[in-house]
Amino acid sequence: MIVSHHNDLLCKHGEIICQDPISILRKYQNTKEMIMVGGGRKVYEMALPYADTLYLSIMKQRYHGDTTFPEWKKTDYSCIETRDYPTFTWYSYKRKKGTLCDL
């Protein structure tokens, strides 16, 4: 599934264009189906309040760019796994009970 506000995207592999990601999150909120979100910043900002798991890669070197991951409440999550690589560190965070946004 592709979240976009552009209706003119060309899909080659049967992808579904979705302009309302919140409706998709609602559809799957009580299932065991895993939804993976890849941004742009705006897509992350829309989905972040509903995420129960975050997988973040933090680069060890600074890079110039015009987009960053949005602010998030680290206190709402517990780090459950860390993997260190030469150029980045990968983190897995799980949301603490009672802090999930109601869809």
PDB file of N, CA and C in Angstrom:
ATOM      1  N   MET A   1       0.841  -1.163   0.000  1.00  0.00           N
ATOM      2  CA  MET A   1       0.000   0.000   0.000  1.00  0.00           C
ATOM      3  C   MET A   1       0.890   1.230   0.000  1.00  0.00           C
ATOM      4  N   ILE A   2       0.480   2.210  -0.751  1.00  0.00           N
ATOM      5  CA  ILE A   2       1.221   3.461  -0.844  1.00  0.00           C
ATOM      6  C   ILE A   2       0.322   4.575  -0.329  1.00  0.00           C
ATOM      7  N   VAL A   3       0.825   5.349   0.630  1.00  0.00           N
ATOM      8  CA  VAL A   3       0.097   6.511   1.120  1.00  0.00           C
ATOM      9  C   VAL A   3       0.616   7.719   0.363  1.00  0.00           C
ATOM     10  N   SER A   4      -0.290   8.418  -0.285  1.00  0.00           N
ATOM     11  CA  SER A   4       0.108   9.587  -1.064  1.00  0.00           C
ATOM     12  C   SER A   4      -1.091  10.487  -1.274  1.00  0.00           C
ATOM     13  N   HIS A   5      -0.829  11.783  -1.377  1.00  0.00           N
ATOM     14  CA  HIS A   5      -1.902  12.695  -1.745  1.00  0.00           C
ATOM     15  C   HIS A   5      -1.915  12.926  -3.257  1.00  0.00           C
ATOM     16  N   HIS A   6      -1.088  12.184  -3.993  1.00  0.00           N
ATOM     17  CA  HIS A   6      -1.048  12.253  -5.452  1.00  0.00           C
ATOM     18  C   HIS A   6      -1.859  11.089  -6.029  1.00  0.00           C
ATOM     19  N   ASN A   7      -2.862  11.396  -6.818  1.00  0.00           N
ATOM     20  CA  ASN A   7      -3.690  10.362  -7.438  1.00  0.00           C
ATOM     21  C   ASN A   7      -3.086   9.805  -8.724  1.00  0.00           C
ATOM     22  N   ASP A   8      -2.066  10.453  -9.239  1.00  0.00           N
ATOM     23  CA  ASP A   8      -1.544  10.088 -10.552  1.00  0.00           C
ATOM     24  C   ASP A   8      -0.319   9.173 -10.488  1.00  0.00           C
ATOM     25  N   LEU A   9      -0.100   8.503  -9.367  1.00  0.00           N
ATOM     26  CA  LEU A   9       1.023   7.575  -9.265  1.00  0.00           C
ATOM     27  C   LEU A   9       0.795   6.372 -10.161  1.00  0.00           C
ATOM     28  N   LEU A  10       1.849   5.910 -10.796  1.00  0.00           N
ATOM     29  CA  LEU A  10       1.772   4.718 -11.628  1.00  0.00           C
ATOM     30  C   LEU A  10       2.177   3.510 -10.802  1.00  0.00           C
ATOM     31  N   CYS A  11       1.284   2.571 -10.627  1.00  0.00           N
ATOM     32  CA  CYS A  11       1.548   1.368  -9.854  1.00  0.00           C
ATOM     33  C   CYS A  11       1.797   0.207 -10.805  1.00  0.00           C
ATOM     34  N   LYS A  12       2.904  -0.466 -10.635  1.00  0.00           N
ATOM     35  CA  LYS A  12       3.283  -1.549 -11.539  1.00  0.00           C
ATOM     36  C   LYS A  12       3.022  -2.931 -10.960  1.00  0.00           C
ATOM     37  N   HIS A  13       2.791  -3.028  -9.649  1.00  0.00           N
ATOM     38  CA  HIS A  13       2.688  -4.337  -9.002  1.00  0.00           C
ATOM     39  C   HIS A  13       1.404  -4.484  -8.190  1.00  0.00           C
ATOM     40  N   GLY A  14       0.351  -3.782  -8.570  1.00  0.00           N
ATOM     41  CA  GLY A  14      -0.926  -3.923  -7.881  1.00  0.00           C
ATOM     42  C   GLY A  14      -1.010  -3.189  -6.557  1.00  0.00           C
ATOM     43  N   GLU A  15      -0.144  -2.209  -6.343  1.00  0.00           N
ATOM     44  CA  GLU A  15      -0.187  -1.454  -5.102  1.00  0.00           C
ATOM     45  C   GLU A  15      -1.501  -0.680  -5.008  1.00  0.00           C
ATOM     46  N   ILE A  16      -1.914  -0.420  -3.788  1.00  0.00           N
ATOM     47  CA  ILE A  16      -3.122   0.354  -3.534  1.00  0.00           C
ATOM     48  C   ILE A  16      -2.699   1.753  -3.114  1.00  0.00           C
ATOM     49  N   ILE A  17      -3.293   2.772  -3.711  1.00  0.00           N
ATOM     50  CA  ILE A  17      -3.020   4.152  -3.328  1.00  0.00           C
ATOM     51  C   ILE A  17      -4.027   4.534  -2.243  1.00  0.00           C
ATOM     52  N   CYS A  18      -3.535   5.018  -1.133  1.00  0.00           N
ATOM     53  CA  CYS A  18      -4.384   5.394  -0.005  1.00  0.00           C
ATOM     54  C   CYS A  18      -4.082   6.835   0.375  1.00  0.00           C
ATOM     55  N   GLN A  19      -5.103   7.655   0.432  1.00  0.00           N
ATOM     56  CA  GLN A  19      -4.917   9.044   0.836  1.00  0.00           C
ATOM     57  C   GLN A  19      -5.249   9.261   2.310  1.00  0.00           C
ATOM     58  N   ASP A  20      -5.784   8.266   2.968  1.00  0.00           N
ATOM     59  CA  ASP A  20      -6.191   8.381   4.368  1.00  0.00           C
ATOM     60  C   ASP A  20      -5.584   7.242   5.191  1.00  0.00           C
ATOM     61  N   PRO A  21      -4.334   7.390   5.634  1.00  0.00           N
ATOM     62  CA  PRO A  21      -3.687   6.295   6.366  1.00  0.00           C
ATOM     63  C   PRO A  21      -4.358   5.959   7.688  1.00  0.00           C
ATOM     64  N   ILE A  22      -5.047   6.897   8.301  1.00  0.00           N
ATOM     65  CA  ILE A  22      -5.713   6.630   9.572  1.00  0.00           C
ATOM     66  C   ILE A  22      -6.793   5.563   9.383  1.00  0.00           C
ATOM     67  N   SER A  23      -7.497   5.576   8.250  1.00  0.00           N
ATOM     68  CA  SER A  23      -8.519   4.555   8.009  1.00  0.00           C
ATOM     69  C   SER A  23      -7.895   3.165   7.927  1.00  0.00           C
ATOM     70  N   ILE A  24      -6.698   3.055   7.379  1.00  0.00           N
ATOM     71  CA  ILE A  24      -6.005   1.767   7.308  1.00  0.00           C
ATOM     72  C   ILE A  24      -5.590   1.322   8.703  1.00  0.00           C
ATOM     73  N   LEU A  25      -5.075   2.256   9.510  1.00  0.00           N
ATOM     74  CA  LEU A  25      -4.691   1.915  10.885  1.00  0.00           C
ATOM     75  C   LEU A  25      -5.906   1.439  11.672  1.00  0.00           C
ATOM     76  N   ARG A  26      -7.038   2.093  11.497  1.00  0.00           N
ATOM     77  CA  ARG A  26      -8.272   1.666  12.174  1.00  0.00           C
ATOM     78  C   ARG A  26      -8.673   0.257  11.742  1.00  0.00           C
ATOM     79  N   LYS A  27      -8.565  -0.009  10.450  1.00  0.00           N
ATOM     80  CA  LYS A  27      -8.963  -1.313   9.925  1.00  0.00           C
ATOM     81  C   LYS A  27      -8.165  -2.448  10.556  1.00  0.00           C
ATOM     82  N   TYR A  28      -6.886  -2.210  10.830  1.00  0.00           N
ATOM     83  CA  TYR A  28      -6.011  -3.268  11.331  1.00  0.00           C
ATOM     84  C   TYR A  28      -5.711  -3.168  12.828  1.00  0.00           C
ATOM     85  N   GLN A  29      -6.320  -2.230  13.548  1.00  0.00           N
ATOM     86  CA  GLN A  29      -5.930  -1.997  14.933  1.00  0.00           C
ATOM     87  C   GLN A  29      -6.164  -3.186  15.852  1.00  0.00           C
ATOM     88  N   ASN A  30      -7.158  -4.000  15.613  1.00  0.00           N
ATOM     89  CA  ASN A  30      -7.437  -5.130  16.499  1.00  0.00           C
ATOM     90  C   ASN A  30      -7.069  -6.466  15.874  1.00  0.00           C
ATOM     91  N   THR A  31      -6.140  -6.433  14.939  1.00  0.00           N
ATOM     92  CA  THR A  31      -5.671  -7.659  14.308  1.00  0.00           C
ATOM     93  C   THR A  31      -4.212  -7.885  14.699  1.00  0.00           C
ATOM     94  N   LYS A  32      -3.697  -9.043  14.369  1.00  0.00           N
ATOM     95  CA  LYS A  32      -2.285  -9.332  14.632  1.00  0.00           C
ATOM     96  C   LYS A  32      -1.418  -8.969  13.434  1.00  0.00           C
ATOM     97  N   GLU A  33      -2.055  -8.435  12.396  1.00  0.00           N
ATOM     98  CA  GLU A  33      -1.350  -8.021  11.187  1.00  0.00           C
ATOM     99  C   GLU A  33      -0.374  -6.886  11.507  1.00  0.00           C
ATOM    100  N   MET A  34       0.865  -7.005  11.054  1.00  0.00           N
ATOM    101  CA  MET A  34       1.848  -5.959  11.278  1.00  0.00           C
ATOM    102  C   MET A  34       1.785  -4.953  10.136  1.00  0.00           C
ATOM    103  N   ILE A  35       1.702  -3.685  10.483  1.00  0.00           N
ATOM    104  CA  ILE A  35       1.720  -2.607   9.509  1.00  0.00           C
ATOM    105  C   ILE A  35       3.076  -1.920   9.634  1.00  0.00           C
ATOM    106  N   MET A  36       3.817  -1.880   8.552  1.00  0.00           N
ATOM    107  CA  MET A  36       5.116  -1.189   8.532  1.00  0.00           C
ATOM    108  C   MET A  36       4.926   0.129   7.796  1.00  0.00           C
ATOM    109  N   VAL A  37       5.452   1.200   8.363  1.00  0.00           N
ATOM    110  CA  VAL A  37       5.299   2.527   7.775  1.00  0.00           C
ATOM    111  C   VAL A  37       6.669   3.043   7.369  1.00  0.00           C
ATOM    112  N   GLY A  38       6.771   3.493   6.135  1.00  0.00           N
ATOM    113  CA  GLY A  38       7.980   4.149   5.648  1.00  0.00           C
ATOM    114  C   GLY A  38       7.600   5.541   5.189  1.00  0.00           C
ATOM    115  N   GLY A  39       8.333   6.523   5.647  1.00  0.00           N
ATOM    116  CA  GLY A  39       7.950   7.909   5.359  1.00  0.00           C
ATOM    117  C   GLY A  39       8.714   8.483   4.216  1.00  0.00           C
ATOM    118  N   GLY A  40       8.352   9.517   4.136  1.00  0.00           N
ATOM    119  CA  GLY A  40       8.315  10.910   4.427  1.00  0.00           C
ATOM    120  C   GLY A  40       7.849  11.257   5.837  1.00  0.00           C
ATOM    121  N   ARG A  41       8.312  12.439   6.220  1.00  0.00           N
ATOM    122  CA  ARG A  41       8.037  12.985   7.538  1.00  0.00           C
ATOM    123  C   ARG A  41       6.534  13.067   7.810  1.00  0.00           C
ATOM    124  N   LYS A  42       5.747  13.544   6.851  1.00  0.00           N
ATOM    125  CA  LYS A  42       4.307  13.703   7.080  1.00  0.00           C
ATOM    126  C   LYS A  42       3.637  12.365   7.341  1.00  0.00           C
ATOM    127  N   VAL A  43       4.059  11.325   6.641  1.00  0.00           N
ATOM    128  CA  VAL A  43       3.491   9.991   6.871  1.00  0.00           C
ATOM    129  C   VAL A  43       3.856   9.510   8.269  1.00  0.00           C
ATOM    130  N   TYR A  44       5.116   9.700   8.680  1.00  0.00           N
ATOM    131  CA  TYR A  44       5.518   9.326  10.038  1.00  0.00           C
ATOM    132  C   TYR A  44       4.719  10.111  11.076  1.00  0.00           C
ATOM    133  N   GLU A  45       4.528  11.407  10.856  1.00  0.00           N
ATOM    134  CA  GLU A  45       3.780  12.218  11.815  1.00  0.00           C
ATOM    135  C   GLU A  45       2.348  11.722  11.972  1.00  0.00           C
ATOM    136  N   MET A  46       1.727  11.285  10.864  1.00  0.00           N
ATOM    137  CA  MET A  46       0.363  10.764  10.941  1.00  0.00           C
ATOM    138  C   MET A  46       0.303   9.434  11.685  1.00  0.00           C
ATOM    139  N   ALA A  47       1.268   8.567  11.452  1.00  0.00           N
ATOM    140  CA  ALA A  47       1.217   7.209  11.997  1.00  0.00           C
ATOM    141  C   ALA A  47       1.817   7.082  13.391  1.00  0.00           C
ATOM    142  N   LEU A  48       2.740   7.938  13.745  1.00  0.00           N
ATOM    143  CA  LEU A  48       3.478   7.798  15.004  1.00  0.00           C
ATOM    144  C   LEU A  48       2.599   7.712  16.251  1.00  0.00           C
ATOM    145  N   PRO A  49       1.540   8.507  16.379  1.00  0.00           N
ATOM    146  CA  PRO A  49       0.729   8.390  17.600  1.00  0.00           C
ATOM    147  C   PRO A  49       0.083   7.019  17.787  1.00  0.00           C
ATOM    148  N   TYR A  50      -0.013   6.225  16.727  1.00  0.00           N
ATOM    149  CA  TYR A  50      -0.683   4.933  16.782  1.00  0.00           C
ATOM    150  C   TYR A  50       0.283   3.750  16.799  1.00  0.00           C
ATOM    151  N   ALA A  51       1.563   4.028  16.692  1.00  0.00           N
ATOM    152  CA  ALA A  51       2.557   2.954  16.600  1.00  0.00           C
ATOM    153  C   ALA A  51       2.799   2.315  17.960  1.00  0.00           C
ATOM    154  N   ASP A  52       2.725   0.985  18.010  1.00  0.00           N
ATOM    155  CA  ASP A  52       3.055   0.303  19.264  1.00  0.00           C
ATOM    156  C   ASP A  52       4.495  -0.193  19.258  1.00  0.00           C
ATOM    157  N   THR A  53       5.126  -0.233  18.098  1.00  0.00           N
ATOM    158  CA  THR A  53       6.528  -0.631  17.986  1.00  0.00           C
ATOM    159  C   THR A  53       7.233   0.322  17.031  1.00  0.00           C
ATOM    160  N   LEU A  54       8.429   0.746  17.403  1.00  0.00           N
ATOM    161  CA  LEU A  54       9.255   1.579  16.521  1.00  0.00           C
ATOM    162  C   LEU A  54      10.562   0.859  16.246  1.00  0.00           C
ATOM    163  N   TYR A  55      10.976   0.852  14.999  1.00  0.00           N
ATOM    164  CA  TYR A  55      12.289   0.361  14.607  1.00  0.00           C
ATOM    165  C   TYR A  55      13.038   1.561  14.036  1.00  0.00           C
ATOM    166  N   LEU A  56      14.032   2.027  14.745  1.00  0.00           N
ATOM    167  CA  LEU A  56      14.749   3.232  14.346  1.00  0.00           C
ATOM    168  C   LEU A  56      16.221   2.942  14.091  1.00  0.00           C
ATOM    169  N   SER A  57      16.735   3.495  13.024  1.00  0.00           N
ATOM    170  CA  SER A  57      18.165   3.447  12.728  1.00  0.00           C
ATOM    171  C   SER A  57      18.708   4.850  12.928  1.00  0.00           C
ATOM    172  N   ILE A  58      19.650   4.988  13.841  1.00  0.00           N
ATOM    173  CA  ILE A  58      20.243   6.287  14.139  1.00  0.00           C
ATOM    174  C   ILE A  58      21.664   6.293  13.571  1.00  0.00           C
ATOM    175  N   MET A  59      21.887   7.194  12.627  1.00  0.00           N
ATOM    176  CA  MET A  59      23.186   7.287  11.971  1.00  0.00           C
ATOM    177  C   MET A  59      24.230   7.822  12.950  1.00  0.00           C
ATOM    178  N   LYS A  60      25.455   7.322  12.859  1.00  0.00           N
ATOM    179  CA  LYS A  60      26.529   7.761  13.749  1.00  0.00           C
ATOM    180  C   LYS A  60      27.196   9.035  13.255  1.00  0.00           C
ATOM    181  N   GLN A  61      27.041   9.322  11.995  1.00  0.00           N
ATOM    182  CA  GLN A  61      27.612  10.517  11.396  1.00  0.00           C
ATOM    183  C   GLN A  61      26.475  11.456  11.021  1.00  0.00           C
ATOM    184  N   ARG A  62      26.729  12.746  11.044  1.00  0.00           N
ATOM    185  CA  ARG A  62      25.713  13.717  10.629  1.00  0.00           C
ATOM    186  C   ARG A  62      25.740  13.859   9.112  1.00  0.00           C
ATOM    187  N   TYR A  63      24.535  13.934   8.539  1.00  0.00           N
ATOM    188  CA  TYR A  63      24.388  14.125   7.103  1.00  0.00           C
ATOM    189  C   TYR A  63      23.505  15.334   6.858  1.00  0.00           C
ATOM    190  N   HIS A  64      23.790  16.059   5.793  1.00  0.00           N
ATOM    191  CA  HIS A  64      22.970  17.201   5.430  1.00  0.00           C
ATOM    192  C   HIS A  64      21.720  16.696   4.716  1.00  0.00           C
ATOM    193  N   GLY A  65      20.591  17.221   5.099  1.00  0.00           N
ATOM    194  CA  GLY A  65      19.338  16.844   4.462  1.00  0.00           C
ATOM    195  C   GLY A  65      18.250  17.812   4.862  1.00  0.00           C
ATOM    196  N   ASP A  66      17.114  17.712   4.203  1.00  0.00           N
ATOM    197  CA  ASP A  66      16.023  18.633   4.501  1.00  0.00           C
ATOM    198  C   ASP A  66      14.870  17.978   5.252  1.00  0.00           C
ATOM    199  N   THR A  67      14.993  16.683   5.568  1.00  0.00           N
ATOM    200  CA  THR A  67      13.918  15.977   6.257  1.00  0.00           C
ATOM    201  C   THR A  67      14.491  15.169   7.413  1.00  0.00           C
ATOM    202  N   THR A  68      13.808  15.207   8.541  1.00  0.00           N
ATOM    203  CA  THR A  68      14.215  14.419   9.702  1.00  0.00           C
ATOM    204  C   THR A  68      13.000  13.683  10.244  1.00  0.00           C
ATOM    205  N   PHE A  69      13.257  12.668  11.064  1.00  0.00           N
ATOM    206  CA  PHE A  69      12.178  11.944  11.726  1.00  0.00           C
ATOM    207  C   PHE A  69      11.516  12.888  12.723  1.00  0.00           C
ATOM    208  N   PRO A  70      10.188  12.854  12.845  1.00  0.00           N
ATOM    209  CA  PRO A  70       9.502  13.784  13.752  1.00  0.00           C
ATOM    210  C   PRO A  70       9.804  13.511  15.221  1.00  0.00           C
ATOM    211  N   GLU A  71       9.535  14.513  16.027  1.00  0.00           N
ATOM    212  CA  GLU A  71       9.666  14.363  17.479  1.00  0.00           C
ATOM    213  C   GLU A  71       8.707  13.277  17.958  1.00  0.00           C
ATOM    214  N   TRP A  72       9.131  12.516  18.969  1.00  0.00           N
ATOM    215  CA  TRP A  72       8.274  11.480  19.532  1.00  0.00           C
ATOM    216  C   TRP A  72       8.548  11.393  21.023  1.00  0.00           C
ATOM    217  N   LYS A  73       7.580  10.881  21.770  1.00  0.00           N
ATOM    218  CA  LYS A  73       7.699  10.797  23.229  1.00  0.00           C
ATOM    219  C   LYS A  73       8.458   9.535  23.613  1.00  0.00           C
ATOM    220  N   LYS A  74       9.734   9.678  23.837  1.00  0.00           N
ATOM    221  CA  LYS A  74      10.562   8.525  24.196  1.00  0.00           C
ATOM    222  C   LYS A  74      10.108   7.915  25.519  1.00  0.00           C
ATOM    223  N   THR A  75       9.515   8.715  26.391  1.00  0.00           N
ATOM    224  CA  THR A  75       9.044   8.206  27.682  1.00  0.00           C
ATOM    225  C   THR A  75       7.855   7.265  27.540  1.00  0.00           C
ATOM    226  N   ASP A  76       7.176   7.271  26.370  1.00  0.00           N
ATOM    227  CA  ASP A  76       6.056   6.366  26.126  1.00  0.00           C
ATOM    228  C   ASP A  76       6.513   4.975  25.685  1.00  0.00           C
ATOM    229  N   TYR A  77       7.822   4.808  25.473  1.00  0.00           N
ATOM    230  CA  TYR A  77       8.358   3.563  24.927  1.00  0.00           C
ATOM    231  C   TYR A  77       9.480   3.008  25.805  1.00  0.00           C
ATOM    232  N   SER A  78       9.682   1.709  25.703  1.00  0.00           N
ATOM    233  CA  SER A  78      10.829   1.039  26.326  1.00  0.00           C
ATOM    234  C   SER A  78      11.688   0.468  25.210  1.00  0.00           C
ATOM    235  N   CYS A  79      12.997   0.683  25.311  1.00  0.00           N
ATOM    236  CA  CYS A  79      13.911   0.098  24.333  1.00  0.00           C
ATOM    237  C   CYS A  79      14.062  -1.383  24.665  1.00  0.00           C
ATOM    238  N   ILE A  80      13.721  -2.252  23.702  1.00  0.00           N
ATOM    239  CA  ILE A  80      13.769  -3.690  23.964  1.00  0.00           C
ATOM    240  C   ILE A  80      14.923  -4.383  23.246  1.00  0.00           C
ATOM    241  N   GLU A  81      15.530  -3.688  22.278  1.00  0.00           N
ATOM    242  CA  GLU A  81      16.661  -4.294  21.577  1.00  0.00           C
ATOM    243  C   GLU A  81      17.497  -3.206  20.921  1.00  0.00           C
ATOM    244  N   THR A  82      18.812  -3.414  20.937  1.00  0.00           N
ATOM    245  CA  THR A  82      19.753  -2.508  20.299  1.00  0.00           C
ATOM    246  C   THR A  82      20.765  -3.341  19.534  1.00  0.00           C
ATOM    247  N   ARG A  83      21.059  -2.917  18.316  1.00  0.00           N
ATOM    248  CA  ARG A  83      22.098  -3.570  17.506  1.00  0.00           C
ATOM    249  C   ARG A  83      23.032  -2.499  16.979  1.00  0.00           C
ATOM    250  N   ASP A  84      24.298  -2.684  17.240  1.00  0.00           N
ATOM    251  CA  ASP A  84      25.291  -1.701  16.822  1.00  0.00           C
ATOM    252  C   ASP A  84      25.970  -2.148  15.530  1.00  0.00           C
ATOM    253  N   TYR A  85      26.007  -1.238  14.553  1.00  0.00           N
ATOM    254  CA  TYR A  85      26.656  -1.479  13.270  1.00  0.00           C
ATOM    255  C   TYR A  85      27.709  -0.396  13.050  1.00  0.00           C
ATOM    256  N   PRO A  86      28.607  -0.585  12.090  1.00  0.00           N
ATOM    257  CA  PRO A  86      29.676   0.404  11.893  1.00  0.00           C
ATOM    258  C   PRO A  86      29.187   1.835  11.638  1.00  0.00           C
ATOM    259  N   THR A  87      28.110   2.013  10.892  1.00  0.00           N
ATOM    260  CA  THR A  87      27.676   3.369  10.534  1.00  0.00           C
ATOM    261  C   THR A  87      26.391   3.830  11.209  1.00  0.00           C
ATOM    262  N   PHE A  88      25.700   2.924  11.904  1.00  0.00           N
ATOM    263  CA  PHE A  88      24.454   3.300  12.568  1.00  0.00           C
ATOM    264  C   PHE A  88      24.166   2.331  13.714  1.00  0.00           C
ATOM    265  N   THR A  89      23.235   2.742  14.574  1.00  0.00           N
ATOM    266  CA  THR A  89      22.726   1.867  15.625  1.00  0.00           C
ATOM    267  C   THR A  89      21.236   1.691  15.390  1.00  0.00           C
ATOM    268  N   TRP A  90      20.784   0.441  15.460  1.00  0.00           N
ATOM    269  CA  TRP A  90      19.387   0.100  15.248  1.00  0.00           C
ATOM    270  C   TRP A  90      18.747  -0.135  16.610  1.00  0.00           C
ATOM    271  N   TYR A  91      17.565   0.448  16.807  1.00  0.00           N
ATOM    272  CA  TYR A  91      16.833   0.325  18.067  1.00  0.00           C
ATOM    273  C   TYR A  91      15.434  -0.219  17.810  1.00  0.00           C
ATOM    274  N   SER A  92      14.951  -1.031  18.720  1.00  0.00           N
ATOM    275  CA  SER A  92      13.572  -1.481  18.706  1.00  0.00           C
ATOM    276  C   SER A  92      12.925  -0.994  20.004  1.00  0.00           C
ATOM    277  N   TYR A  93      11.852  -0.236  19.858  1.00  0.00           N
ATOM    278  CA  TYR A  93      11.123   0.298  20.998  1.00  0.00           C
ATOM    279  C   TYR A  93       9.714  -0.273  21.020  1.00  0.00           C
ATOM    280  N   LYS A  94       9.220  -0.575  22.201  1.00  0.00           N
ATOM    281  CA  LYS A  94       7.855  -1.062  22.382  1.00  0.00           C
ATOM    282  C   LYS A  94       7.107  -0.046  23.243  1.00  0.00           C
ATOM    283  N   ARG A  95       5.896   0.311  22.809  1.00  0.00           N
ATOM    284  CA  ARG A  95       5.103   1.297  23.557  1.00  0.00           C
ATOM    285  C   ARG A  95       4.684   0.712  24.904  1.00  0.00           C
ATOM    286  N   LYS A  96       4.775   1.536  25.951  1.00  0.00           N
ATOM    287  CA  LYS A  96       4.345   1.138  27.283  1.00  0.00           C
ATOM    288  C   LYS A  96       2.823   1.076  27.328  1.00  0.00           C
ATOM    289  N   LYS A  97       2.293   0.181  28.135  1.00  0.00           N
ATOM    290  CA  LYS A  97       0.831   0.036  28.256  1.00  0.00           C
ATOM    291  C   LYS A  97       0.214   1.336  28.761  1.00  0.00           C
ATOM    292  N   GLY A  98      -0.961   1.636  28.227  1.00  0.00           N
ATOM    293  CA  GLY A  98      -1.691   2.818  28.667  1.00  0.00           C
ATOM    294  C   GLY A  98      -1.325   4.100  27.946  1.00  0.00           C
ATOM    295  N   THR A  99      -0.413   4.037  26.966  1.00  0.00           N
ATOM    296  CA  THR A  99      -0.012   5.258  26.273  1.00  0.00           C
ATOM    297  C   THR A  99      -0.426   5.255  24.800  1.00  0.00           C
ATOM    298  N   LEU A 100      -1.118   4.215  24.342  1.00  0.00           N
ATOM    299  CA  LEU A 100      -1.510   4.107  22.938  1.00  0.00           C
ATOM    300  C   LEU A 100      -2.687   5.024  22.641  1.00  0.00           C
ATOM    301  N   CYS A 101      -2.595   5.717  21.540  1.00  0.00           N
ATOM    302  CA  CYS A 101      -3.670   6.612  21.115  1.00  0.00           C
ATOM    303  C   CYS A 101      -4.891   5.813  20.694  1.00  0.00           C
ATOM    304  N   ASP A 102      -6.056   6.303  21.008  1.00  0.00           N
ATOM    305  CA  ASP A 102      -7.300   5.647  20.605  1.00  0.00           C
ATOM    306  C   ASP A 102      -7.638   6.033  19.175  1.00  0.00           C
ATOM    307  N   LEU A 103      -7.815   5.025  18.325  1.00  0.00           N
ATOM    308  CA  LEU A 103      -8.179   5.273  16.937  1.00  0.00           C
ATOM    309  C   LEU A 103      -9.673   5.444  16.844  1.00  0.00           C
TER     310      LEU A 103
END
